[in-house]
């Protein structure tokens, strides 16, 4: 299972529900910085994807997204 979008991913991270986060390289750094910092502080691995469109399409969307979080299986 996953959460899609910056806000949803950040909320799930803050609740301790994520095991991995995917971020788009072409998203604005200032937008991703809080999420990236919290991932590093919590030891959550970050996988960088080339573009928001590629990340969105990998999730079955027609639009791009800057962040996707992979949920723990026990959630």
N, C-alpha and C. Protein backbone atom coordinates (compact mmCIF):
# COMPACT_ATOMS: atom_id res chain seq x y z
N UNK A 1 0.85 -1.18 0.00
CA UNK A 1 0.00 0.00 0.00
C UNK A 1 0.89 1.24 0.00
N UNK A 2 0.28 2.34 -0.44
CA UNK A 2 1.05 3.57 -0.55
C UNK A 2 0.17 4.78 -0.31
N UNK A 3 0.81 5.89 -0.04
CA UNK A 3 0.15 7.19 -0.01
C UNK A 3 0.80 8.04 -1.08
N UNK A 4 -0.03 8.84 -1.75
CA UNK A 4 0.46 9.64 -2.88
C UNK A 4 0.25 11.11 -2.58
N UNK A 5 1.26 11.91 -2.88
CA UNK A 5 1.18 13.35 -2.68
C UNK A 5 2.02 13.78 -1.49
N UNK A 6 2.49 14.98 -1.56
CA UNK A 6 3.39 15.50 -0.53
C UNK A 6 2.73 15.55 0.85
N UNK A 7 1.55 16.12 0.93
CA UNK A 7 0.88 16.26 2.24
C UNK A 7 0.55 14.91 2.86
N UNK A 8 0.01 14.01 2.06
CA UNK A 8 -0.35 12.68 2.58
C UNK A 8 0.89 11.91 3.01
N UNK A 9 1.95 12.04 2.25
CA UNK A 9 3.20 11.34 2.57
C UNK A 9 3.79 11.90 3.86
N UNK A 10 3.77 13.21 4.00
CA UNK A 10 4.30 13.84 5.21
C UNK A 10 3.50 13.42 6.44
N UNK A 11 2.18 13.40 6.34
CA UNK A 11 1.34 12.98 7.48
C UNK A 11 1.63 11.53 7.87
N UNK A 12 1.71 10.65 6.88
CA UNK A 12 1.98 9.24 7.16
C UNK A 12 3.36 9.07 7.80
N UNK A 13 4.33 9.85 7.35
CA UNK A 13 5.67 9.80 7.92
C UNK A 13 5.65 10.22 9.39
N UNK A 14 4.95 11.30 9.67
CA UNK A 14 4.88 11.82 11.04
C UNK A 14 4.19 10.84 11.98
N UNK A 15 3.30 10.01 11.45
CA UNK A 15 2.62 9.00 12.26
C UNK A 15 3.43 7.71 12.38
N UNK A 16 4.57 7.64 11.69
CA UNK A 16 5.41 6.46 11.75
C UNK A 16 4.93 5.31 10.90
N UNK A 17 4.17 5.60 9.85
CA UNK A 17 3.56 4.55 9.03
C UNK A 17 4.37 4.16 7.80
N UNK A 18 5.47 4.84 7.51
CA UNK A 18 6.19 4.61 6.25
C UNK A 18 7.47 3.80 6.43
N UNK A 19 7.80 3.04 5.38
CA UNK A 19 9.08 2.33 5.36
C UNK A 19 10.01 2.89 4.29
N UNK A 20 9.45 3.61 3.31
CA UNK A 20 10.25 4.15 2.22
C UNK A 20 9.50 5.30 1.57
N UNK A 21 10.25 6.26 1.02
CA UNK A 21 9.65 7.41 0.36
C UNK A 21 10.29 7.60 -1.01
N UNK A 22 9.47 7.89 -2.00
CA UNK A 22 9.93 8.21 -3.35
C UNK A 22 9.70 9.69 -3.59
N UNK A 23 10.74 10.38 -4.06
CA UNK A 23 10.66 11.81 -4.34
C UNK A 23 11.07 12.08 -5.78
N UNK A 24 10.41 13.06 -6.40
CA UNK A 24 10.71 13.43 -7.78
C UNK A 24 11.85 14.45 -7.82
N UNK A 25 12.85 14.18 -8.63
CA UNK A 25 14.00 15.08 -8.75
C UNK A 25 13.63 16.45 -9.28
N UNK A 26 12.56 16.54 -10.09
CA UNK A 26 12.22 17.82 -10.68
C UNK A 26 11.23 18.65 -9.86
N UNK A 27 10.88 18.17 -8.68
CA UNK A 27 10.02 18.96 -7.78
C UNK A 27 10.87 20.05 -7.14
N UNK A 28 10.22 21.12 -6.73
CA UNK A 28 10.95 22.23 -6.12
C UNK A 28 11.59 21.79 -4.80
N UNK A 29 12.85 22.13 -4.66
CA UNK A 29 13.62 21.73 -3.47
C UNK A 29 12.97 22.25 -2.19
N UNK A 30 12.51 23.49 -2.20
CA UNK A 30 11.92 24.08 -0.99
C UNK A 30 10.65 23.35 -0.57
N UNK A 31 9.96 22.74 -1.53
CA UNK A 31 8.74 21.99 -1.23
C UNK A 31 9.08 20.64 -0.61
N UNK A 32 10.12 19.99 -1.14
CA UNK A 32 10.49 18.66 -0.66
C UNK A 32 11.34 18.67 0.60
N UNK A 33 11.99 19.78 0.87
CA UNK A 33 12.97 19.85 1.96
C UNK A 33 12.42 19.39 3.32
N UNK A 34 11.24 19.83 3.76
CA UNK A 34 10.75 19.35 5.08
C UNK A 34 10.56 17.83 5.12
N UNK A 35 10.03 17.27 4.05
CA UNK A 35 9.82 15.82 3.99
C UNK A 35 11.16 15.09 3.97
N UNK A 36 12.07 15.57 3.16
CA UNK A 36 13.40 14.95 3.06
C UNK A 36 14.12 14.99 4.41
N UNK A 37 14.04 16.11 5.09
CA UNK A 37 14.70 16.25 6.40
C UNK A 37 14.12 15.27 7.41
N UNK A 38 12.79 15.15 7.46
CA UNK A 38 12.18 14.23 8.41
C UNK A 38 12.50 12.77 8.09
N UNK A 39 12.59 12.45 6.80
CA UNK A 39 12.97 11.08 6.42
C UNK A 39 14.37 10.77 6.94
N UNK A 40 15.28 11.71 6.75
CA UNK A 40 16.66 11.51 7.21
C UNK A 40 16.71 11.37 8.73
N UNK A 41 15.94 12.19 9.44
CA UNK A 41 15.93 12.14 10.90
C UNK A 41 15.36 10.82 11.42
N UNK A 42 14.40 10.24 10.69
CA UNK A 42 13.73 9.02 11.13
C UNK A 42 14.33 7.75 10.52
N UNK A 43 15.34 7.92 9.68
CA UNK A 43 16.00 6.77 9.08
C UNK A 43 15.18 6.10 7.98
N UNK A 44 14.31 6.86 7.34
CA UNK A 44 13.48 6.33 6.25
C UNK A 44 14.24 6.55 4.95
N UNK A 45 14.39 5.48 4.16
CA UNK A 45 15.15 5.60 2.92
C UNK A 45 14.36 6.39 1.88
N UNK A 46 15.10 7.15 1.07
CA UNK A 46 14.53 7.96 0.00
C UNK A 46 15.02 7.41 -1.33
N UNK A 47 14.09 7.21 -2.25
CA UNK A 47 14.41 6.80 -3.61
C UNK A 47 14.06 7.98 -4.51
N UNK A 48 15.03 8.44 -5.29
CA UNK A 48 14.82 9.57 -6.18
C UNK A 48 14.37 9.07 -7.55
N UNK A 49 13.30 9.68 -8.06
CA UNK A 49 12.74 9.35 -9.37
C UNK A 49 12.97 10.56 -10.27
N UNK A 50 13.21 10.31 -11.56
CA UNK A 50 13.58 11.39 -12.49
C UNK A 50 12.58 12.53 -12.58
N UNK A 51 11.30 12.22 -12.57
CA UNK A 51 10.32 13.30 -12.76
C UNK A 51 9.03 13.03 -12.00
N UNK A 52 8.29 14.11 -11.78
CA UNK A 52 6.99 14.00 -11.13
C UNK A 52 6.04 13.18 -11.99
N UNK A 53 6.11 13.38 -13.29
CA UNK A 53 5.23 12.64 -14.20
C UNK A 53 5.52 11.14 -14.13
N UNK A 54 6.80 10.77 -14.13
CA UNK A 54 7.17 9.35 -14.04
C UNK A 54 6.69 8.75 -12.72
N UNK A 55 6.81 9.50 -11.64
CA UNK A 55 6.38 9.01 -10.33
C UNK A 55 4.85 8.86 -10.30
N UNK A 56 4.15 9.82 -10.84
CA UNK A 56 2.70 9.72 -10.90
C UNK A 56 2.24 8.54 -11.75
N UNK A 57 2.86 8.36 -12.88
CA UNK A 57 2.50 7.25 -13.76
C UNK A 57 2.80 5.90 -13.12
N UNK A 58 3.87 5.82 -12.34
CA UNK A 58 4.20 4.58 -11.65
C UNK A 58 3.11 4.22 -10.63
N UNK A 59 2.35 5.22 -10.21
CA UNK A 59 1.25 5.01 -9.26
C UNK A 59 -0.10 4.88 -9.97
N UNK A 60 -0.07 4.85 -11.28
CA UNK A 60 -1.31 4.70 -12.03
C UNK A 60 -2.07 6.00 -12.24
N UNK A 61 -1.40 7.13 -12.08
CA UNK A 61 -2.04 8.43 -12.25
C UNK A 61 -1.72 9.00 -13.63
N UNK A 62 -2.58 9.89 -14.09
CA UNK A 62 -2.32 10.58 -15.35
C UNK A 62 -1.56 11.88 -15.13
N UNK A 63 -1.44 12.27 -13.89
CA UNK A 63 -0.72 13.49 -13.53
C UNK A 63 0.51 13.13 -12.70
N UNK A 64 1.37 14.11 -12.53
CA UNK A 64 2.57 13.89 -11.75
C UNK A 64 2.33 14.08 -10.26
N UNK A 65 3.28 13.61 -9.49
CA UNK A 65 3.27 13.82 -8.04
C UNK A 65 4.71 13.97 -7.57
N UNK A 66 4.90 14.75 -6.54
CA UNK A 66 6.26 14.99 -6.06
C UNK A 66 6.72 13.96 -5.04
N UNK A 67 5.77 13.29 -4.39
CA UNK A 67 6.14 12.34 -3.33
C UNK A 67 5.17 11.18 -3.23
N UNK A 68 5.72 10.02 -2.88
CA UNK A 68 4.94 8.83 -2.63
C UNK A 68 5.56 8.12 -1.44
N UNK A 69 4.73 7.66 -0.53
CA UNK A 69 5.22 6.93 0.62
C UNK A 69 4.73 5.49 0.60
N UNK A 70 5.62 4.56 0.91
CA UNK A 70 5.28 3.15 0.99
C UNK A 70 4.95 2.83 2.46
N UNK A 71 3.74 2.36 2.69
CA UNK A 71 3.27 2.08 4.04
C UNK A 71 3.80 0.77 4.59
N UNK A 72 4.00 0.73 5.89
CA UNK A 72 4.37 -0.51 6.55
C UNK A 72 3.24 -1.51 6.37
N UNK A 73 3.55 -2.77 6.34
CA UNK A 73 2.53 -3.80 6.12
C UNK A 73 1.61 -3.98 7.32
N UNK A 74 2.03 -3.58 8.50
CA UNK A 74 1.21 -3.77 9.69
C UNK A 74 0.24 -2.62 9.95
N UNK A 75 0.11 -1.74 9.00
CA UNK A 75 -0.80 -0.58 9.15
C UNK A 75 -2.17 -0.96 8.63
